[in-house]
All heavy atoms as atom14 arrays in JSON, in Angstrom:
{
  "sequence": "KLKITDDLSGINTYRATINGKWILMEYEPKNNTLTYNFNDLRFE",
  "atom14_mask": [
    [1, 1, 1, 1, 1, 1, 1, 1, 1, 0, 0, 0, 0, 0],
    [1, 1, 1, 1, 1, 1, 1, 1, 0, 0, 0, 0, 0, 0],
    [1, 1, 1, 1, 1, 1, 1, 1, 1, 0, 0, 0, 0, 0],
    [1, 1, 1, 1, 1, 1, 1, 1, 0, 0, 0, 0, 0, 0],
    [1, 1, 1, 1, 1, 1, 1, 0, 0, 0, 0, 0, 0, 0],
    [1, 1, 1, 1, 1, 1, 1, 1, 0, 0, 0, 0, 0, 0],
    [1, 1, 1, 1, 1, 1, 1, 1, 0, 0, 0, 0, 0, 0],
    [1, 1, 1, 1, 1, 1, 1, 1, 0, 0, 0, 0, 0, 0],
    [1, 1, 1, 1, 1, 1, 0, 0, 0, 0, 0, 0, 0, 0],
    [1, 1, 1, 1, 0, 0, 0, 0, 0, 0, 0, 0, 0, 0],
    [1, 1, 1, 1, 1, 1, 1, 1, 0, 0, 0, 0, 0, 0],
    [1, 1, 1, 1, 1, 1, 1, 1, 0, 0, 0, 0, 0, 0],
    [1, 1, 1, 1, 1, 1, 1, 0, 0, 0, 0, 0, 0, 0],
    [1, 1, 1, 1, 1, 1, 1, 1, 1, 1, 1, 1, 0, 0],
    [1, 1, 1, 1, 1, 1, 1, 1, 1, 1, 1, 0, 0, 0],
    [1, 1, 1, 1, 1, 0, 0, 0, 0, 0, 0, 0, 0, 0],
    [1, 1, 1, 1, 1, 1, 1, 0, 0, 0, 0, 0, 0, 0],
    [1, 1, 1, 1, 1, 1, 1, 1, 0, 0, 0, 0, 0, 0],
    [1, 1, 1, 1, 1, 1, 1, 1, 0, 0, 0, 0, 0, 0],
    [1, 1, 1, 1, 0, 0, 0, 0, 0, 0, 0, 0, 0, 0],
    [1, 1, 1, 1, 1, 1, 1, 1, 1, 0, 0, 0, 0, 0],
    [1, 1, 1, 1, 1, 1, 1, 1, 1, 1, 1, 1, 1, 1],
    [1, 1, 1, 1, 1, 1, 1, 1, 0, 0, 0, 0, 0, 0],
    [1, 1, 1, 1, 1, 1, 1, 1, 0, 0, 0, 0, 0, 0],
    [1, 1, 1, 1, 1, 1, 1, 1, 0, 0, 0, 0, 0, 0],
    [1, 1, 1, 1, 1, 1, 1, 1, 1, 0, 0, 0, 0, 0],
    [1, 1, 1, 1, 1, 1, 1, 1, 1, 1, 1, 1, 0, 0],
    [1, 1, 1, 1, 1, 1, 1, 1, 1, 0, 0, 0, 0, 0],
    [1, 1, 1, 1, 1, 1, 1, 0, 0, 0, 0, 0, 0, 0],
    [1, 1, 1, 1, 1, 1, 1, 1, 1, 0, 0, 0, 0, 0],
    [1, 1, 1, 1, 1, 1, 1, 1, 0, 0, 0, 0, 0, 0],
    [1, 1, 1, 1, 1, 1, 1, 1, 0, 0, 0, 0, 0, 0],
    [1, 1, 1, 1, 1, 1, 1, 0, 0, 0, 0, 0, 0, 0],
    [1, 1, 1, 1, 1, 1, 1, 1, 0, 0, 0, 0, 0, 0],
    [1, 1, 1, 1, 1, 1, 1, 0, 0, 0, 0, 0, 0, 0],
    [1, 1, 1, 1, 1, 1, 1, 1, 1, 1, 1, 1, 0, 0],
    [1, 1, 1, 1, 1, 1, 1, 1, 0, 0, 0, 0, 0, 0],
    [1, 1, 1, 1, 1, 1, 1, 1, 1, 1, 1, 0, 0, 0],
    [1, 1, 1, 1, 1, 1, 1, 1, 0, 0, 0, 0, 0, 0],
    [1, 1, 1, 1, 1, 1, 1, 1, 0, 0, 0, 0, 0, 0],
    [1, 1, 1, 1, 1, 1, 1, 1, 0, 0, 0, 0, 0, 0],
    [1, 1, 1, 1, 1, 1, 1, 1, 1, 1, 1, 0, 0, 0],
    [1, 1, 1, 1, 1, 1, 1, 1, 1, 1, 1, 0, 0, 0],
    [1, 1, 1, 1, 1, 1, 1, 1, 1, 0, 0, 0, 0, 0]
  ],
  "atom14_positions": [
    [[96.87, 125.21, 95.47], [97.96, 124.9, 94.62], [98.8, 126.12, 94.54], [98.37, 127.29, 94.46], [97.49, 124.6, 93.27], [96.83, 123.24, 93.16], [96.68, 122.77, 91.81], [95.96, 121.41, 91.7], [95.87, 120.79, 90.23], [0.0, 0.0, 0.0], [0.0, 0.0, 0.0], [0.0, 0.0, 0.0], [0.0, 0.0, 0.0], [0.0, 0.0, 0.0]],
    [[100.18, 125.78, 94.39], [101.23, 126.88, 94.2], [102.11, 126.35, 93.07], [102.29, 125.21, 92.85], [102.02, 127.02, 95.49], [101.4, 127.56, 96.66], [102.37, 127.42, 97.93], [101.04, 129.07, 96.49], [0.0, 0.0, 0.0], [0.0, 0.0, 0.0], [0.0, 0.0, 0.0], [0.0, 0.0, 0.0], [0.0, 0.0, 0.0], [0.0, 0.0, 0.0]],
    [[102.73, 127.3, 92.32], [103.74, 127.02, 91.44], [105.02, 127.5, 91.86], [105.28, 128.6, 92.56], [103.48, 127.86, 90.09], [102.34, 127.36, 89.18], [102.87, 126.38, 88.12], [101.76, 126.07, 87.17], [102.22, 125.1, 86.08], [0.0, 0.0, 0.0], [0.0, 0.0, 0.0], [0.0, 0.0, 0.0], [0.0, 0.0, 0.0], [0.0, 0.0, 0.0]],
    [[106.11, 126.52, 91.89], [107.42, 126.84, 92.35], [108.38, 126.48, 91.29], [108.35, 125.44, 90.69], [107.74, 126.01, 93.69], [107.75, 124.51, 93.33], [106.83, 126.45, 94.73], [108.37, 123.73, 94.56], [0.0, 0.0, 0.0], [0.0, 0.0, 0.0], [0.0, 0.0, 0.0], [0.0, 0.0, 0.0], [0.0, 0.0, 0.0], [0.0, 0.0, 0.0]],
    [[109.36, 127.45, 91.03], [110.39, 127.3, 89.98], [111.77, 127.83, 90.5], [111.74, 128.6, 91.43], [110.05, 127.99, 88.69], [109.72, 129.39, 89.06], [108.71, 127.42, 88.03], [0.0, 0.0, 0.0], [0.0, 0.0, 0.0], [0.0, 0.0, 0.0], [0.0, 0.0, 0.0], [0.0, 0.0, 0.0], [0.0, 0.0, 0.0], [0.0, 0.0, 0.0]],
    [[112.76, 127.36, 89.82], [114.09, 127.87, 90.13], [114.83, 127.94, 88.84], [114.78, 127.04, 88.02], [114.88, 127.0, 91.07], [116.19, 127.58, 91.59], [116.1, 128.46, 92.37], [117.25, 127.11, 91.07], [0.0, 0.0, 0.0], [0.0, 0.0, 0.0], [0.0, 0.0, 0.0], [0.0, 0.0, 0.0], [0.0, 0.0, 0.0], [0.0, 0.0, 0.0]],
    [[115.61, 128.93, 88.66], [116.26, 129.27, 87.3], [117.55, 128.55, 87.07], [117.87, 128.54, 85.93], [116.46, 130.85, 87.21], [117.58, 131.28, 87.97], [117.79, 130.75, 89.16], [118.26, 132.25, 87.59], [0.0, 0.0, 0.0], [0.0, 0.0, 0.0], [0.0, 0.0, 0.0], [0.0, 0.0, 0.0], [0.0, 0.0, 0.0], [0.0, 0.0, 0.0]],
    [[118.17, 127.95, 88.05], [119.46, 127.32, 87.72], [119.73, 126.08, 88.48], [119.7, 125.1, 87.95], [120.56, 128.4, 88.12], [121.96, 128.08, 87.57], [122.01, 127.79, 86.11], [122.9, 129.27, 87.93], [0.0, 0.0, 0.0], [0.0, 0.0, 0.0], [0.0, 0.0, 0.0], [0.0, 0.0, 0.0], [0.0, 0.0, 0.0], [0.0, 0.0, 0.0]],
    [[120.01, 126.16, 89.8], [120.45, 124.92, 90.55], [119.41, 123.98, 90.86], [119.58, 122.77, 91.12], [121.19, 125.22, 91.79], [120.33, 126.0, 92.79], [0.0, 0.0, 0.0], [0.0, 0.0, 0.0], [0.0, 0.0, 0.0], [0.0, 0.0, 0.0], [0.0, 0.0, 0.0], [0.0, 0.0, 0.0], [0.0, 0.0, 0.0], [0.0, 0.0, 0.0]],
    [[118.15, 124.46, 90.87], [116.98, 123.5, 91.03], [116.41, 123.46, 92.45], [117.11, 123.82, 93.4], [0.0, 0.0, 0.0], [0.0, 0.0, 0.0], [0.0, 0.0, 0.0], [0.0, 0.0, 0.0], [0.0, 0.0, 0.0], [0.0, 0.0, 0.0], [0.0, 0.0, 0.0], [0.0, 0.0, 0.0], [0.0, 0.0, 0.0], [0.0, 0.0, 0.0]],
    [[115.23, 123.04, 92.58], [114.55, 122.95, 93.93], [115.17, 121.83, 94.77], [115.45, 120.7, 94.3], [113.06, 122.63, 93.71], [112.4, 123.65, 93.0], [112.33, 122.55, 95.12], [112.44, 125.04, 93.48], [0.0, 0.0, 0.0], [0.0, 0.0, 0.0], [0.0, 0.0, 0.0], [0.0, 0.0, 0.0], [0.0, 0.0, 0.0], [0.0, 0.0, 0.0]],
    [[115.41, 122.14, 95.87], [115.95, 121.19, 96.87], [114.98, 120.7, 97.89], [114.53, 119.61, 98.06], [117.31, 121.68, 97.63], [118.04, 120.64, 98.42], [117.8, 119.43, 98.28], [118.73, 121.08, 99.39], [0.0, 0.0, 0.0], [0.0, 0.0, 0.0], [0.0, 0.0, 0.0], [0.0, 0.0, 0.0], [0.0, 0.0, 0.0], [0.0, 0.0, 0.0]],
    [[114.55, 121.75, 98.64], [113.47, 121.32, 99.69], [112.34, 122.43, 99.73], [112.54, 123.56, 99.21], [114.22, 121.47, 101.19], [114.66, 122.72, 101.38], [115.35, 120.3, 101.17], [0.0, 0.0, 0.0], [0.0, 0.0, 0.0], [0.0, 0.0, 0.0], [0.0, 0.0, 0.0], [0.0, 0.0, 0.0], [0.0, 0.0, 0.0], [0.0, 0.0, 0.0]],
    [[111.3, 122.08, 100.3], [110.21, 122.88, 100.57], [109.42, 122.52, 101.88], [109.5, 121.33, 102.35], [109.22, 122.96, 99.4], [108.42, 121.59, 99.25], [107.14, 121.36, 99.9], [108.95, 120.61, 98.54], [106.45, 120.27, 99.67], [108.3, 119.4, 98.39], [107.01, 119.23, 98.95], [106.4, 118.05, 98.8], [0.0, 0.0, 0.0], [0.0, 0.0, 0.0]],
    [[108.81, 123.59, 102.39], [108.13, 123.26, 103.74], [106.91, 124.29, 103.73], [107.02, 125.44, 103.47], [108.91, 123.51, 104.9], [108.3, 123.35, 106.32], [109.23, 123.48, 107.48], [108.51, 123.56, 108.78], [108.18, 122.37, 109.34], [108.59, 121.24, 108.81], [107.55, 122.37, 110.57], [0.0, 0.0, 0.0], [0.0, 0.0, 0.0], [0.0, 0.0, 0.0]],
    [[105.67, 123.71, 104.11], [104.44, 124.53, 104.1], [103.83, 124.37, 105.48], [103.66, 123.23, 106.02], [103.62, 124.18, 102.89], [0.0, 0.0, 0.0], [0.0, 0.0, 0.0], [0.0, 0.0, 0.0], [0.0, 0.0, 0.0], [0.0, 0.0, 0.0], [0.0, 0.0, 0.0], [0.0, 0.0, 0.0], [0.0, 0.0, 0.0], [0.0, 0.0, 0.0]],
    [[103.25, 125.48, 105.9], [102.45, 125.36, 107.15], [101.16, 126.2, 107.0], [101.09, 127.15, 106.3], [103.24, 125.91, 108.33], [103.63, 127.23, 108.24], [104.43, 125.08, 108.79], [0.0, 0.0, 0.0], [0.0, 0.0, 0.0], [0.0, 0.0, 0.0], [0.0, 0.0, 0.0], [0.0, 0.0, 0.0], [0.0, 0.0, 0.0], [0.0, 0.0, 0.0]],
    [[100.1, 125.88, 107.73], [98.95, 126.69, 107.92], [98.64, 126.91, 109.42], [98.67, 126.02, 110.15], [97.65, 125.94, 107.3], [97.79, 125.83, 105.75], [96.41, 126.78, 107.66], [96.58, 125.17, 105.12], [0.0, 0.0, 0.0], [0.0, 0.0, 0.0], [0.0, 0.0, 0.0], [0.0, 0.0, 0.0], [0.0, 0.0, 0.0], [0.0, 0.0, 0.0]],
    [[98.86, 128.18, 109.77], [98.72, 128.66, 111.16], [99.74, 128.03, 112.05], [99.55, 127.66, 113.15], [97.25, 128.29, 111.77], [96.08, 128.92, 110.97], [96.38, 129.91, 110.3], [95.01, 128.24, 110.98], [0.0, 0.0, 0.0], [0.0, 0.0, 0.0], [0.0, 0.0, 0.0], [0.0, 0.0, 0.0], [0.0, 0.0, 0.0], [0.0, 0.0, 0.0]],
    [[100.95, 127.73, 111.32], [102.14, 127.18, 111.98], [102.13, 125.74, 112.12], [103.07, 125.15, 112.7], [0.0, 0.0, 0.0], [0.0, 0.0, 0.0], [0.0, 0.0, 0.0], [0.0, 0.0, 0.0], [0.0, 0.0, 0.0], [0.0, 0.0, 0.0], [0.0, 0.0, 0.0], [0.0, 0.0, 0.0], [0.0, 0.0, 0.0], [0.0, 0.0, 0.0]],
    [[101.06, 125.06, 111.46], [101.04, 123.57, 111.58], [101.44, 123.04, 110.22], [100.95, 123.51, 109.16], [99.62, 123.15, 111.84], [99.47, 121.55, 111.98], [98.17, 121.11, 112.42], [97.98, 119.72, 112.7], [98.82, 119.14, 113.83], [0.0, 0.0, 0.0], [0.0, 0.0, 0.0], [0.0, 0.0, 0.0], [0.0, 0.0, 0.0], [0.0, 0.0, 0.0]],
    [[102.43, 122.1, 110.18], [102.91, 121.58, 109.01], [101.8, 120.81, 108.21], [100.86, 120.2, 108.69], [103.96, 120.48, 109.18], [104.64, 119.97, 107.97], [105.75, 120.43, 107.3], [104.27, 118.69, 107.21], [106.0, 119.66, 106.25], [105.13, 118.56, 106.26], [103.25, 117.75, 107.48], [105.14, 117.55, 105.25], [103.21, 116.7, 106.49], [104.09, 116.57, 105.48]],
    [[101.8, 121.1, 106.78], [100.81, 120.54, 105.96], [101.43, 119.75, 104.91], [102.62, 120.01, 104.4], [99.81, 121.54, 105.31], [100.61, 122.64, 104.55], [99.02, 122.17, 106.4], [99.81, 123.48, 103.63], [0.0, 0.0, 0.0], [0.0, 0.0, 0.0], [0.0, 0.0, 0.0], [0.0, 0.0, 0.0], [0.0, 0.0, 0.0], [0.0, 0.0, 0.0]],
    [[100.89, 118.71, 104.4], [101.38, 117.78, 103.34], [100.95, 118.41, 102.03], [99.82, 118.49, 101.55], [100.69, 116.41, 103.4], [101.07, 115.45, 102.31], [102.57, 115.17, 102.37], [100.29, 114.22, 102.44], [0.0, 0.0, 0.0], [0.0, 0.0, 0.0], [0.0, 0.0, 0.0], [0.0, 0.0, 0.0], [0.0, 0.0, 0.0], [0.0, 0.0, 0.0]],
    [[102.07, 118.82, 101.26], [101.89, 119.36, 99.96], [102.61, 118.48, 99.01], [103.83, 118.21, 99.22], [102.5, 120.81, 99.83], [101.65, 121.96, 100.6], [101.81, 123.55, 99.97], [100.6, 123.6, 98.73], [0.0, 0.0, 0.0], [0.0, 0.0, 0.0], [0.0, 0.0, 0.0], [0.0, 0.0, 0.0], [0.0, 0.0, 0.0], [0.0, 0.0, 0.0]],
    [[101.9, 118.03, 97.98], [102.46, 116.99, 97.06], [103.2, 117.84, 95.9], [102.69, 118.79, 95.35], [101.37, 116.13, 96.44], [100.77, 115.32, 97.46], [100.01, 114.1, 96.84], [99.87, 114.07, 95.54], [99.23, 113.44, 97.57], [0.0, 0.0, 0.0], [0.0, 0.0, 0.0], [0.0, 0.0, 0.0], [0.0, 0.0, 0.0], [0.0, 0.0, 0.0]],
    [[104.52, 117.41, 95.64], [105.29, 118.14, 94.64], [105.29, 117.39, 93.4], [105.51, 116.21, 93.32], [106.8, 118.3, 95.25], [107.76, 118.9, 94.3], [107.24, 120.01, 93.41], [109.01, 118.56, 94.21], [108.26, 120.53, 92.54], [109.93, 119.11, 93.41], [109.51, 120.15, 92.61], [110.49, 120.77, 91.72], [0.0, 0.0, 0.0], [0.0, 0.0, 0.0]],
    [[104.92, 118.05, 92.35], [104.9, 117.5, 90.89], [105.97, 118.32, 90.11], [105.38, 119.28, 89.58], [103.46, 117.53, 90.36], [103.42, 116.94, 89.01], [104.11, 115.54, 88.72], [103.58, 114.58, 89.26], [105.31, 115.69, 88.28], [0.0, 0.0, 0.0], [0.0, 0.0, 0.0], [0.0, 0.0, 0.0], [0.0, 0.0, 0.0], [0.0, 0.0, 0.0]],
    [[107.1, 117.69, 89.91], [108.08, 118.58, 89.16], [107.69, 118.72, 87.7], [108.23, 119.66, 87.1], [109.36, 117.76, 89.27], [109.12, 116.75, 90.47], [107.68, 116.53, 90.52], [0.0, 0.0, 0.0], [0.0, 0.0, 0.0], [0.0, 0.0, 0.0], [0.0, 0.0, 0.0], [0.0, 0.0, 0.0], [0.0, 0.0, 0.0], [0.0, 0.0, 0.0]],
    [[106.9, 117.87, 87.13], [106.54, 118.11, 85.65], [105.74, 119.24, 85.51], [105.97, 119.88, 84.34], [105.72, 116.73, 85.2], [106.62, 115.44, 85.02], [105.84, 114.5, 84.39], [104.71, 113.89, 85.09], [105.19, 113.16, 86.25], [0.0, 0.0, 0.0], [0.0, 0.0, 0.0], [0.0, 0.0, 0.0], [0.0, 0.0, 0.0], [0.0, 0.0, 0.0]],
    [[105.03, 119.74, 86.3], [104.24, 120.95, 86.1], [104.61, 122.01, 87.27], [103.81, 123.14, 87.37], [102.84, 120.79, 86.0], [102.21, 120.04, 87.18], [102.78, 120.05, 88.24], [101.12, 119.46, 87.02], [0.0, 0.0, 0.0], [0.0, 0.0, 0.0], [0.0, 0.0, 0.0], [0.0, 0.0, 0.0], [0.0, 0.0, 0.0], [0.0, 0.0, 0.0]],
    [[105.61, 121.81, 87.93], [106.22, 122.54, 89.06], [105.08, 123.12, 89.99], [105.1, 124.2, 90.37], [106.82, 123.9, 88.36], [107.82, 123.57, 87.36], [108.77, 122.89, 87.77], [107.7, 124.14, 86.18], [0.0, 0.0, 0.0], [0.0, 0.0, 0.0], [0.0, 0.0, 0.0], [0.0, 0.0, 0.0], [0.0, 0.0, 0.0], [0.0, 0.0, 0.0]],
    [[104.3, 122.12, 90.47], [103.21, 122.53, 91.4], [103.35, 121.89, 92.77], [103.98, 120.72, 92.93], [101.86, 122.09, 90.83], [101.78, 120.67, 90.58], [101.51, 122.77, 89.58], [0.0, 0.0, 0.0], [0.0, 0.0, 0.0], [0.0, 0.0, 0.0], [0.0, 0.0, 0.0], [0.0, 0.0, 0.0], [0.0, 0.0, 0.0], [0.0, 0.0, 0.0]],
    [[103.0, 122.61, 93.88], [102.73, 122.07, 95.11], [101.2, 122.07, 95.31], [100.61, 123.1, 95.17], [103.41, 122.96, 96.09], [105.0, 122.96, 96.35], [105.41, 123.9, 97.36], [105.45, 121.66, 96.5], [0.0, 0.0, 0.0], [0.0, 0.0, 0.0], [0.0, 0.0, 0.0], [0.0, 0.0, 0.0], [0.0, 0.0, 0.0], [0.0, 0.0, 0.0]],
    [[100.66, 120.9, 95.79], [99.22, 120.74, 95.95], [98.93, 120.35, 97.42], [99.53, 119.36, 97.92], [98.52, 119.86, 95.05], [99.02, 120.3, 93.61], [97.12, 119.8, 95.06], [0.0, 0.0, 0.0], [0.0, 0.0, 0.0], [0.0, 0.0, 0.0], [0.0, 0.0, 0.0], [0.0, 0.0, 0.0], [0.0, 0.0, 0.0], [0.0, 0.0, 0.0]],
    [[98.0, 120.97, 98.06], [97.53, 120.65, 99.26], [96.05, 120.26, 99.25], [95.18, 120.99, 98.69], [97.68, 121.78, 100.36], [96.95, 121.55, 101.71], [97.38, 120.57, 102.53], [95.88, 122.44, 102.01], [96.69, 120.36, 103.73], [95.22, 122.07, 103.23], [95.6, 121.11, 104.02], [94.99, 120.76, 105.27], [0.0, 0.0, 0.0], [0.0, 0.0, 0.0]],
    [[95.71, 119.07, 99.89], [94.25, 118.69, 99.92], [93.67, 119.1, 101.23], [94.14, 118.75, 102.32], [94.31, 117.19, 99.76], [92.89, 116.56, 99.68], [91.9, 117.12, 100.2], [92.74, 115.48, 99.06], [0.0, 0.0, 0.0], [0.0, 0.0, 0.0], [0.0, 0.0, 0.0], [0.0, 0.0, 0.0], [0.0, 0.0, 0.0], [0.0, 0.0, 0.0]],
    [[92.59, 119.91, 101.1], [91.96, 120.49, 102.25], [91.34, 119.35, 103.26], [91.15, 119.6, 104.3], [90.9, 121.41, 101.93], [91.43, 122.87, 101.58], [91.25, 123.35, 100.47], [92.02, 123.56, 102.64], [91.77, 124.68, 100.09], [92.5, 124.89, 102.44], [92.3, 125.4, 101.13], [0.0, 0.0, 0.0], [0.0, 0.0, 0.0], [0.0, 0.0, 0.0]],
    [[91.21, 118.06, 102.61], [90.67, 117.09, 103.41], [91.65, 116.48, 104.51], [91.24, 115.71, 105.35], [90.11, 115.94, 102.65], [88.83, 116.34, 101.81], [87.91, 117.13, 102.4], [88.55, 115.87, 100.66], [0.0, 0.0, 0.0], [0.0, 0.0, 0.0], [0.0, 0.0, 0.0], [0.0, 0.0, 0.0], [0.0, 0.0, 0.0], [0.0, 0.0, 0.0]],
    [[92.86, 116.89, 104.28], [93.99, 116.28, 105.06], [93.81, 116.65, 106.59], [93.98, 115.81, 107.42], [95.4, 116.81, 104.6], [95.89, 115.7, 103.55], [95.29, 114.85, 103.26], [97.07, 116.05, 103.12], [0.0, 0.0, 0.0], [0.0, 0.0, 0.0], [0.0, 0.0, 0.0], [0.0, 0.0, 0.0], [0.0, 0.0, 0.0], [0.0, 0.0, 0.0]],
    [[93.51, 118.01, 106.76], [93.56, 118.5, 108.2], [92.17, 119.3, 108.44], [91.79, 119.92, 107.43], [94.74, 119.33, 108.56], [96.05, 118.61, 108.56], [97.2, 119.68, 108.78], [96.12, 117.56, 109.69], [0.0, 0.0, 0.0], [0.0, 0.0, 0.0], [0.0, 0.0, 0.0], [0.0, 0.0, 0.0], [0.0, 0.0, 0.0], [0.0, 0.0, 0.0]],
    [[91.82, 119.41, 109.51], [90.58, 120.09, 109.94], [91.01, 121.42, 110.71], [91.69, 121.38, 111.72], [89.62, 119.27, 110.78], [89.02, 118.04, 110.24], [88.09, 118.41, 109.07], [87.62, 117.23, 108.58], [86.72, 117.2, 107.61], [86.34, 118.48, 106.87], [86.25, 116.16, 107.08], [0.0, 0.0, 0.0], [0.0, 0.0, 0.0], [0.0, 0.0, 0.0]],
    [[90.68, 122.59, 110.09], [90.94, 123.81, 110.73], [89.68, 124.45, 110.99], [88.68, 124.31, 110.39], [91.71, 124.76, 109.78], [93.12, 124.27, 109.48], [93.46, 123.56, 108.36], [94.19, 124.61, 110.38], [94.66, 123.14, 108.08], [95.4, 124.17, 110.08], [95.75, 123.41, 108.99], [0.0, 0.0, 0.0], [0.0, 0.0, 0.0], [0.0, 0.0, 0.0]],
    [[89.63, 125.32, 112.15], [88.42, 126.05, 112.49], [88.0, 127.06, 111.46], [88.89, 127.61, 110.63], [88.68, 126.81, 113.85], [88.79, 125.82, 114.99], [89.04, 126.72, 116.24], [88.93, 127.91, 116.14], [89.17, 126.05, 117.29], [0.0, 0.0, 0.0], [0.0, 0.0, 0.0], [0.0, 0.0, 0.0], [0.0, 0.0, 0.0], [0.0, 0.0, 0.0]]
  ]
}
């Protein structure tokens, strides 16, 4: 989990990768979190 905030104009986009591979992070504006489920992808 990550916390993301912006002080004025607000969040527009986000992009997350692990080892250069795009991962699905769910954005919840009510608590300003990005959450990644480790079950989504298999990494060595």
